[in-house]
């Protein structure tokens, strides 16, 4: 079905408002993650790292929190323009209407299941839209970068650590 001109205009205006709101939320540049962003990144990390994390409980929550802390450190080390872009992505994903529309996740991030978040991530990974694929890649790289930046995760992939004596 082809959208009517009125639907097209409404969708365009709605998208513009969401982008404006996301930009406004992140106008300050480098800053600590908000509680909503931490919850979103926790849900994303929980889904992306599902096979590597303990099955449930406090050990899993602790490792997800460490990963989110690592993501915050990574973002703080990015160039200011990249920080703004990542901040806009985070800003969109934490706003309920955008979360539902763009990610298809109806529940708040703290209540979303691993399966729901996994479906959203897979839909972005395989999307026909390069913008969504790029957003998935950013979430993926930030999550796995934070995970594997910690020495306690290296053994699982057989990485012995950096060469000794060169630094």
N, C-alpha and C. Protein backbone atom coordinates (compact mmCIF):
# COMPACT_ATOMS: atom_id res chain seq x y z
N UNK A 1 0.83 -1.18 0.00
CA UNK A 1 0.00 0.00 0.00
C UNK A 1 0.88 1.24 0.00
N UNK A 2 0.58 2.17 -0.83
CA UNK A 2 1.30 3.43 -0.92
C UNK A 2 0.67 4.41 0.06
N UNK A 3 1.51 5.04 0.91
CA UNK A 3 0.95 5.98 1.87
C UNK A 3 0.40 7.22 1.16
N UNK A 4 -0.62 7.77 1.76
CA UNK A 4 -1.19 9.01 1.22
C UNK A 4 -0.25 10.17 1.52
N UNK A 5 -0.46 11.26 0.86
CA UNK A 5 0.36 12.44 1.09
C UNK A 5 0.26 12.88 2.54
N UNK A 6 -0.92 12.81 3.11
CA UNK A 6 -1.14 13.21 4.51
C UNK A 6 -0.34 12.29 5.45
N UNK A 7 -0.37 10.97 5.19
CA UNK A 7 0.39 10.04 6.02
C UNK A 7 1.89 10.30 5.89
N UNK A 8 2.34 10.58 4.68
CA UNK A 8 3.74 10.87 4.44
C UNK A 8 4.18 12.10 5.21
N UNK A 9 3.39 13.14 5.18
CA UNK A 9 3.72 14.38 5.89
C UNK A 9 3.72 14.15 7.39
N UNK A 10 2.72 13.44 7.90
CA UNK A 10 2.66 13.15 9.35
C UNK A 10 3.89 12.35 9.79
N UNK A 11 4.23 11.34 9.01
CA UNK A 11 5.39 10.51 9.35
C UNK A 11 6.66 11.36 9.33
N UNK A 12 6.81 12.20 8.32
CA UNK A 12 7.97 13.07 8.24
C UNK A 12 8.07 14.02 9.40
N UNK A 13 6.94 14.62 9.77
CA UNK A 13 6.93 15.53 10.92
C UNK A 13 7.25 14.80 12.22
N UNK A 14 6.66 13.62 12.37
CA UNK A 14 6.92 12.83 13.58
C UNK A 14 8.39 12.45 13.69
N UNK A 15 8.97 12.01 12.58
CA UNK A 15 10.39 11.66 12.57
C UNK A 15 11.27 12.87 12.86
N UNK A 16 10.92 14.01 12.30
CA UNK A 16 11.68 15.23 12.55
C UNK A 16 11.64 15.61 14.02
N UNK A 17 10.46 15.50 14.61
CA UNK A 17 10.33 15.82 16.04
C UNK A 17 11.16 14.88 16.90
N UNK A 18 11.14 13.58 16.57
CA UNK A 18 11.95 12.62 17.33
C UNK A 18 13.44 12.94 17.21
N UNK A 19 13.90 13.22 16.00
CA UNK A 19 15.32 13.55 15.80
C UNK A 19 15.70 14.84 16.52
N UNK A 20 14.82 15.82 16.47
CA UNK A 20 15.07 17.08 17.17
C UNK A 20 15.17 16.84 18.67
N UNK A 21 14.24 16.04 19.20
CA UNK A 21 14.24 15.74 20.62
C UNK A 21 15.51 15.00 21.01
N UNK A 22 15.92 14.02 20.20
CA UNK A 22 17.14 13.27 20.48
C UNK A 22 18.36 14.19 20.45
N UNK A 23 18.41 15.09 19.48
CA UNK A 23 19.51 16.03 19.40
C UNK A 23 19.53 16.98 20.59
N UNK A 24 18.35 17.41 21.01
CA UNK A 24 18.26 18.29 22.17
C UNK A 24 18.76 17.57 23.43
N UNK A 25 18.40 16.29 23.58
CA UNK A 25 18.84 15.53 24.74
C UNK A 25 20.36 15.42 24.81
N UNK A 26 21.00 15.42 23.65
CA UNK A 26 22.43 15.17 23.60
C UNK A 26 23.24 16.37 23.14
N UNK A 27 22.71 17.56 23.28
CA UNK A 27 23.39 18.76 22.82
C UNK A 27 24.65 19.06 23.62
N UNK A 28 24.73 18.56 24.82
CA UNK A 28 25.87 18.88 25.67
C UNK A 28 27.13 18.12 25.32
N UNK A 29 27.06 17.11 24.45
CA UNK A 29 28.25 16.33 24.09
C UNK A 29 28.56 15.30 25.17
N UNK A 30 29.84 15.18 25.52
CA UNK A 30 30.28 14.16 26.48
C UNK A 30 29.60 14.39 27.83
N UNK A 31 29.05 13.32 28.35
CA UNK A 31 28.33 13.40 29.62
C UNK A 31 28.13 11.97 30.13
N UNK A 32 27.82 11.81 31.40
CA UNK A 32 27.53 10.47 31.90
C UNK A 32 26.25 9.93 31.27
N UNK A 33 26.15 8.61 31.18
CA UNK A 33 24.92 8.01 30.67
C UNK A 33 23.78 8.25 31.64
N UNK A 34 22.60 8.48 31.10
CA UNK A 34 21.41 8.61 31.93
C UNK A 34 20.97 7.23 32.39
N UNK A 35 20.10 7.18 33.36
CA UNK A 35 19.54 5.91 33.82
C UNK A 35 18.84 5.19 32.67
N UNK A 36 18.08 5.93 31.87
CA UNK A 36 17.36 5.33 30.74
C UNK A 36 18.34 4.75 29.72
N UNK A 37 19.44 5.45 29.45
CA UNK A 37 20.45 4.94 28.51
C UNK A 37 21.12 3.69 29.08
N UNK A 38 21.41 3.69 30.37
CA UNK A 38 22.02 2.51 31.00
C UNK A 38 21.08 1.31 30.89
N UNK A 39 19.78 1.54 31.09
CA UNK A 39 18.81 0.44 30.98
C UNK A 39 18.76 -0.10 29.55
N UNK A 40 18.76 0.81 28.57
CA UNK A 40 18.73 0.39 27.18
C UNK A 40 19.99 -0.39 26.84
N UNK A 41 21.15 0.13 27.22
CA UNK A 41 22.41 -0.55 26.92
C UNK A 41 22.52 -1.86 27.69
N UNK A 42 21.95 -1.92 28.89
CA UNK A 42 21.92 -3.17 29.63
C UNK A 42 21.10 -4.23 28.90
N UNK A 43 19.95 -3.82 28.37
CA UNK A 43 19.11 -4.76 27.62
C UNK A 43 19.81 -5.22 26.35
N UNK A 44 20.47 -4.29 25.65
CA UNK A 44 21.20 -4.64 24.42
C UNK A 44 22.36 -5.58 24.76
N UNK A 45 23.14 -5.25 25.79
CA UNK A 45 24.27 -6.09 26.19
C UNK A 45 23.79 -7.47 26.62
N UNK A 46 22.72 -7.51 27.37
CA UNK A 46 22.15 -8.77 27.85
C UNK A 46 21.80 -9.68 26.67
N UNK A 47 21.25 -9.10 25.61
CA UNK A 47 20.87 -9.90 24.44
C UNK A 47 22.08 -10.26 23.59
N UNK A 48 22.96 -9.30 23.33
CA UNK A 48 24.11 -9.58 22.48
C UNK A 48 25.09 -10.57 23.10
N UNK A 49 25.21 -10.53 24.41
CA UNK A 49 26.18 -11.38 25.10
C UNK A 49 25.54 -12.61 25.73
N UNK A 50 24.32 -12.92 25.32
CA UNK A 50 23.55 -13.97 25.97
C UNK A 50 24.32 -15.28 26.13
N UNK A 51 24.98 -15.74 25.13
CA UNK A 51 25.70 -17.02 25.22
C UNK A 51 26.96 -16.96 26.06
N UNK A 52 27.51 -15.78 26.27
CA UNK A 52 28.74 -15.63 27.03
C UNK A 52 28.49 -15.33 28.51
N UNK A 53 27.28 -14.90 28.84
CA UNK A 53 26.95 -14.53 30.21
C UNK A 53 26.46 -15.74 31.01
N UNK A 54 26.61 -15.67 32.35
CA UNK A 54 25.99 -16.70 33.18
C UNK A 54 24.49 -16.74 32.94
N UNK A 55 23.87 -17.87 33.23
CA UNK A 55 22.45 -18.07 32.91
C UNK A 55 21.54 -17.00 33.51
N UNK A 56 21.73 -16.63 34.75
CA UNK A 56 20.85 -15.65 35.38
C UNK A 56 21.46 -15.18 36.69
N UNK A 57 20.73 -14.30 37.36
CA UNK A 57 21.09 -13.89 38.70
C UNK A 57 22.09 -12.75 38.78
N UNK A 58 22.63 -12.60 39.97
CA UNK A 58 23.54 -11.49 40.27
C UNK A 58 24.81 -11.51 39.43
N UNK A 59 25.44 -12.67 39.18
CA UNK A 59 26.64 -12.65 38.33
C UNK A 59 26.35 -12.09 36.93
N UNK A 60 25.22 -12.43 36.37
CA UNK A 60 24.85 -11.90 35.05
C UNK A 60 24.63 -10.39 35.11
N UNK A 61 23.88 -9.94 36.10
CA UNK A 61 23.62 -8.50 36.25
C UNK A 61 24.91 -7.72 36.44
N UNK A 62 25.84 -8.28 37.22
CA UNK A 62 27.12 -7.61 37.47
C UNK A 62 27.92 -7.48 36.17
N UNK A 63 27.97 -8.54 35.38
CA UNK A 63 28.73 -8.49 34.12
C UNK A 63 28.09 -7.55 33.10
N UNK A 64 26.76 -7.50 33.07
CA UNK A 64 26.07 -6.56 32.19
C UNK A 64 26.39 -5.13 32.63
N UNK A 65 26.36 -4.87 33.93
CA UNK A 65 26.67 -3.53 34.44
C UNK A 65 28.10 -3.14 34.10
N UNK A 66 29.04 -4.08 34.22
CA UNK A 66 30.44 -3.79 33.86
C UNK A 66 30.56 -3.47 32.37
N UNK A 67 29.78 -4.17 31.56
CA UNK A 67 29.80 -3.91 30.12
C UNK A 67 29.25 -2.52 29.82
N UNK A 68 28.16 -2.16 30.46
CA UNK A 68 27.58 -0.82 30.27
C UNK A 68 28.58 0.25 30.71
N UNK A 69 29.27 0.02 31.82
CA UNK A 69 30.32 0.97 32.25
C UNK A 69 31.40 1.09 31.18
N UNK A 70 31.77 -0.04 30.58
CA UNK A 70 32.76 -0.03 29.52
C UNK A 70 32.29 0.74 28.30
N UNK A 71 31.01 0.58 27.96
CA UNK A 71 30.45 1.33 26.83
C UNK A 71 30.52 2.82 27.12
N UNK A 72 30.19 3.22 28.34
CA UNK A 72 30.26 4.64 28.72
C UNK A 72 31.69 5.16 28.55
N UNK A 73 32.68 4.37 28.94
CA UNK A 73 34.08 4.78 28.78
C UNK A 73 34.46 4.88 27.31
N UNK A 74 34.00 3.93 26.51
CA UNK A 74 34.29 3.97 25.07
C UNK A 74 33.70 5.23 24.44
N UNK A 75 32.45 5.51 24.74
CA UNK A 75 31.78 6.67 24.15
C UNK A 75 32.49 7.95 24.56
N UNK A 76 32.93 8.04 25.81
CA UNK A 76 33.63 9.23 26.29
C UNK A 76 34.94 9.45 25.55
N UNK A 77 35.53 8.37 25.02
CA UNK A 77 36.79 8.48 24.29
C UNK A 77 36.64 8.74 22.81
N UNK A 78 35.42 8.81 22.32
CA UNK A 78 35.19 9.05 20.89
C UNK A 78 35.33 10.54 20.57
N UNK A 79 35.52 10.83 19.30
CA UNK A 79 35.56 12.22 18.85
C UNK A 79 34.21 12.88 19.16
N UNK A 80 34.20 14.19 19.43
CA UNK A 80 32.95 14.86 19.78
C UNK A 80 31.82 14.65 18.76
N UNK A 81 32.12 14.68 17.48
CA UNK A 81 31.07 14.48 16.47
C UNK A 81 30.49 13.07 16.57
N UNK A 82 31.34 12.09 16.81
CA UNK A 82 30.88 10.71 16.94
C UNK A 82 30.09 10.54 18.24
N UNK A 83 30.53 11.21 19.30
CA UNK A 83 29.77 11.17 20.56
C UNK A 83 28.36 11.69 20.34
N UNK A 84 28.24 12.76 19.57
CA UNK A 84 26.91 13.31 19.30
C UNK A 84 26.05 12.32 18.52
N UNK A 85 26.63 11.67 17.52
CA UNK A 85 25.87 10.69 16.74
C UNK A 85 25.43 9.52 17.61
N UNK A 86 26.33 9.01 18.42
CA UNK A 86 25.98 7.91 19.32
C UNK A 86 24.93 8.39 20.33
N UNK A 87 25.10 9.60 20.82
CA UNK A 87 24.12 10.16 21.75
C UNK A 87 22.74 10.29 21.13
N UNK A 88 22.69 10.65 19.85
CA UNK A 88 21.40 10.74 19.16
C UNK A 88 20.76 9.36 19.05
N UNK A 89 21.56 8.35 18.74
CA UNK A 89 21.04 6.97 18.68
C UNK A 89 20.49 6.57 20.04
N UNK A 90 21.27 6.79 21.09
CA UNK A 90 20.81 6.45 22.43
C UNK A 90 19.55 7.24 22.78
N UNK A 91 19.54 8.53 22.44
CA UNK A 91 18.39 9.37 22.73
C UNK A 91 17.13 8.87 22.07
N UNK A 92 17.25 8.41 20.83
CA UNK A 92 16.08 7.86 20.14
C UNK A 92 15.59 6.58 20.80
N UNK A 93 16.52 5.71 21.15
CA UNK A 93 16.12 4.42 21.70
C UNK A 93 15.52 4.49 23.10
N UNK A 94 15.79 5.55 23.83
CA UNK A 94 15.23 5.64 25.18
C UNK A 94 13.87 6.32 25.22
N UNK A 95 13.47 6.96 24.14
CA UNK A 95 12.15 7.60 24.08
C UNK A 95 11.13 6.52 23.69
N UNK A 96 10.12 6.33 24.52
CA UNK A 96 9.17 5.23 24.33
C UNK A 96 8.59 5.15 22.92
N UNK A 97 8.07 6.23 22.33
CA UNK A 97 7.51 6.10 20.98
C UNK A 97 8.55 5.64 19.95
N UNK A 98 9.77 6.15 20.06
CA UNK A 98 10.82 5.75 19.13
C UNK A 98 11.23 4.30 19.38
N UNK A 99 11.32 3.91 20.65
CA UNK A 99 11.66 2.52 20.99
C UNK A 99 10.65 1.57 20.35
N UNK A 100 9.37 1.92 20.45
CA UNK A 100 8.34 1.05 19.89
C UNK A 100 8.34 1.08 18.37
N UNK A 101 8.49 2.27 17.79
CA UNK A 101 8.43 2.42 16.34
C UNK A 101 9.69 1.88 15.66
N UNK A 102 10.86 2.26 16.14
CA UNK A 102 12.10 1.89 15.49
C UNK A 102 12.61 0.50 15.89
N UNK A 103 12.43 0.14 17.15
CA UNK A 103 12.96 -1.13 17.64
C UNK A 103 11.88 -2.21 17.75
N UNK A 104 10.62 -1.80 17.80
CA UNK A 104 9.56 -2.78 17.95
C UNK A 104 9.50 -3.40 19.33
N UNK A 105 10.08 -2.72 20.32
CA UNK A 105 10.09 -3.22 21.70
C UNK A 105 9.04 -2.43 22.46
N UNK A 106 7.94 -3.10 22.84
CA UNK A 106 6.83 -2.43 23.48
C UNK A 106 7.02 -2.16 24.96
N UNK A 107 7.81 -2.97 25.63
CA UNK A 107 8.02 -2.81 27.06
C UNK A 107 9.21 -1.88 27.31
N UNK A 108 9.26 -1.27 28.49
CA UNK A 108 10.47 -0.51 28.84
C UNK A 108 11.69 -1.44 28.79
N UNK A 109 12.85 -0.88 28.52
CA UNK A 109 14.05 -1.70 28.36
C UNK A 109 14.31 -2.61 29.55
N UNK A 110 14.09 -2.13 30.76
CA UNK A 110 14.38 -2.94 31.94
C UNK A 110 13.47 -4.16 32.05
N UNK A 111 12.33 -4.14 31.33
CA UNK A 111 11.38 -5.25 31.36
C UNK A 111 11.43 -6.10 30.08
N UNK A 112 12.15 -5.66 29.08
CA UNK A 112 12.19 -6.37 27.80
C UNK A 112 12.95 -7.68 27.94
N UNK A 113 12.43 -8.72 27.29
CA UNK A 113 13.09 -10.01 27.34
C UNK A 113 14.29 -10.05 26.40
N UNK A 114 15.19 -10.98 26.65
CA UNK A 114 16.34 -11.18 25.77
C UNK A 114 15.85 -11.48 24.35
N UNK A 115 14.78 -12.25 24.24
CA UNK A 115 14.23 -12.60 22.92
C UNK A 115 13.71 -11.35 22.20
N UNK A 116 12.99 -10.49 22.89
CA UNK A 116 12.46 -9.26 22.27
C UNK A 116 13.60 -8.36 21.77
N UNK A 117 14.60 -8.18 22.61
CA UNK A 117 15.73 -7.32 22.23
C UNK A 117 16.53 -7.99 21.11
N UNK A 118 16.68 -9.30 21.19
CA UNK A 118 17.38 -10.03 20.13
C UNK A 118 16.69 -9.89 18.79
N UNK A 119 15.36 -9.93 18.78
CA UNK A 119 14.60 -9.75 17.53
C UNK A 119 14.83 -8.35 16.96
N UNK A 120 14.79 -7.35 17.83
CA UNK A 120 15.03 -5.98 17.38
C UNK A 120 16.42 -5.86 16.78
N UNK A 121 17.42 -6.40 17.46
CA UNK A 121 18.80 -6.31 16.97
C UNK A 121 18.96 -7.03 15.63
N UNK A 122 18.37 -8.19 15.52
CA UNK A 122 18.46 -8.95 14.27
C UNK A 122 17.76 -8.21 13.14
N UNK A 123 16.64 -7.56 13.43
CA UNK A 123 15.94 -6.82 12.38
C UNK A 123 16.78 -5.64 11.90
N UNK A 124 17.51 -5.00 12.79
CA UNK A 124 18.39 -3.90 12.37
C UNK A 124 19.61 -4.45 11.63
N UNK A 125 20.15 -5.56 12.09
CA UNK A 125 21.33 -6.15 11.45
C UNK A 125 21.04 -6.51 10.00
N UNK A 126 19.85 -7.02 9.75
CA UNK A 126 19.49 -7.50 8.41
C UNK A 126 18.60 -6.52 7.64
N UNK A 127 18.45 -5.32 8.14
CA UNK A 127 17.59 -4.33 7.51
C UNK A 127 18.08 -3.96 6.12
N UNK A 128 17.15 -3.57 5.26
CA UNK A 128 17.51 -3.06 3.94
C UNK A 128 18.04 -1.64 4.05
N UNK A 129 17.79 -0.99 5.17
CA UNK A 129 18.21 0.40 5.36
C UNK A 129 19.61 0.45 5.96
N UNK A 130 20.52 1.07 5.24
CA UNK A 130 21.89 1.20 5.71
C UNK A 130 22.00 1.92 7.04
N UNK A 131 21.10 2.87 7.29
CA UNK A 131 21.12 3.61 8.55
C UNK A 131 20.90 2.68 9.74
N UNK A 132 19.93 1.77 9.61
CA UNK A 132 19.68 0.82 10.71
C UNK A 132 20.82 -0.18 10.84
N UNK A 133 21.38 -0.62 9.72
CA UNK A 133 22.54 -1.52 9.78
C UNK A 133 23.71 -0.83 10.49
N UNK A 134 23.91 0.45 10.18
CA UNK A 134 24.98 1.21 10.83
C UNK A 134 24.74 1.38 12.31
N UNK A 135 23.48 1.61 12.70
CA UNK A 135 23.14 1.74 14.12
C UNK A 135 23.37 0.41 14.83
N UNK A 136 22.99 -0.69 14.18
CA UNK A 136 23.25 -2.02 14.76
C UNK A 136 24.76 -2.20 14.95
N UNK A 137 25.53 -1.88 13.92
CA UNK A 137 26.98 -2.06 13.98
C UNK A 137 27.58 -1.25 15.14
N UNK A 138 27.07 -0.03 15.34
CA UNK A 138 27.56 0.79 16.45
C UNK A 138 27.26 0.12 17.79
N UNK A 139 26.03 -0.36 17.97
CA UNK A 139 25.67 -1.04 19.22
C UNK A 139 26.50 -2.30 19.41
N UNK A 140 26.68 -3.05 18.33
CA UNK A 140 27.47 -4.29 18.37
C UNK A 140 28.92 -3.99 18.76
N UNK A 141 29.54 -3.05 18.06
CA UNK A 141 30.95 -2.75 18.31
C UNK A 141 31.18 -2.17 19.71
N UNK A 142 30.29 -1.31 20.15
CA UNK A 142 30.41 -0.77 21.50
C UNK A 142 30.27 -1.87 22.56
N UNK A 143 29.30 -2.75 22.36
CA UNK A 143 29.05 -3.81 23.33
C UNK A 143 30.21 -4.80 23.39
N UNK A 144 30.62 -5.32 22.24
CA UNK A 144 31.69 -6.30 22.24
C UNK A 144 33.04 -5.67 22.55
N UNK A 145 33.23 -4.41 22.17
CA UNK A 145 34.45 -3.72 22.55
C UNK A 145 34.57 -3.59 24.06
N UNK A 146 33.47 -3.24 24.72
CA UNK A 146 33.47 -3.12 26.19
C UNK A 146 33.65 -4.48 26.85
N UNK A 147 33.03 -5.51 26.28
CA UNK A 147 33.12 -6.86 26.84
C UNK A 147 34.56 -7.37 26.77
N UNK A 148 35.16 -7.31 25.58
CA UNK A 148 36.49 -7.87 25.40
C UNK A 148 37.61 -6.93 25.82
N UNK A 149 37.30 -5.74 26.28
CA UNK A 149 38.33 -4.87 26.84
C UNK A 149 38.74 -5.33 28.24
N UNK A 150 37.92 -6.17 28.83
CA UNK A 150 38.20 -6.65 30.19
C UNK A 150 39.03 -7.94 30.12
N UNK A 151 40.18 -7.99 30.80
CA UNK A 151 41.04 -9.18 30.76
C UNK A 151 40.35 -10.47 31.19
N UNK A 152 39.34 -10.38 32.04
CA UNK A 152 38.67 -11.61 32.50
C UNK A 152 37.86 -12.29 31.40
N UNK A 153 37.70 -11.66 30.25
CA UNK A 153 36.96 -12.28 29.14
C UNK A 153 37.88 -12.88 28.09
N UNK A 154 39.17 -12.65 28.18
CA UNK A 154 40.10 -13.07 27.14
C UNK A 154 40.26 -14.58 27.05
N UNK A 155 40.23 -15.27 28.16
CA UNK A 155 40.46 -16.72 28.15
C UNK A 155 39.43 -17.44 27.28
N UNK A 156 38.20 -16.96 27.28
CA UNK A 156 37.13 -17.61 26.52
C UNK A 156 37.42 -17.64 25.02
N UNK A 157 38.23 -16.69 24.54
CA UNK A 157 38.54 -16.67 23.11
C UNK A 157 40.00 -17.02 22.84
N UNK A 158 40.70 -17.47 23.88
CA UNK A 158 42.08 -17.90 23.71
C UNK A 158 43.08 -16.78 23.51
N UNK A 159 42.72 -15.57 23.90
CA UNK A 159 43.64 -14.44 23.76
C UNK A 159 44.54 -14.38 24.98
N UNK A 160 45.86 -14.47 24.79
CA UNK A 160 46.74 -14.48 25.94
C UNK A 160 47.01 -13.11 26.54
N UNK A 161 46.56 -12.08 25.88
CA UNK A 161 46.81 -10.72 26.34
C UNK A 161 47.87 -10.05 25.49
N UNK A 162 48.12 -8.79 25.72
CA UNK A 162 49.12 -8.08 24.92
C UNK A 162 50.52 -8.66 25.17
N UNK A 163 51.40 -8.55 24.18
CA UNK A 163 52.77 -9.05 24.37
C UNK A 163 53.43 -8.36 25.55
N UNK A 164 54.19 -9.12 26.28
CA UNK A 164 54.89 -8.58 27.45
C UNK A 164 56.24 -8.01 27.02
N UNK A 165 56.64 -6.94 27.65
CA UNK A 165 57.95 -6.37 27.41
C UNK A 165 57.97 -5.28 26.35
N UNK A 166 56.87 -5.06 25.64
CA UNK A 166 56.85 -4.03 24.61
C UNK A 166 56.32 -2.70 25.12
N UNK A 167 55.75 -2.71 26.29
CA UNK A 167 55.13 -1.47 26.77
C UNK A 167 55.81 -0.98 27.98
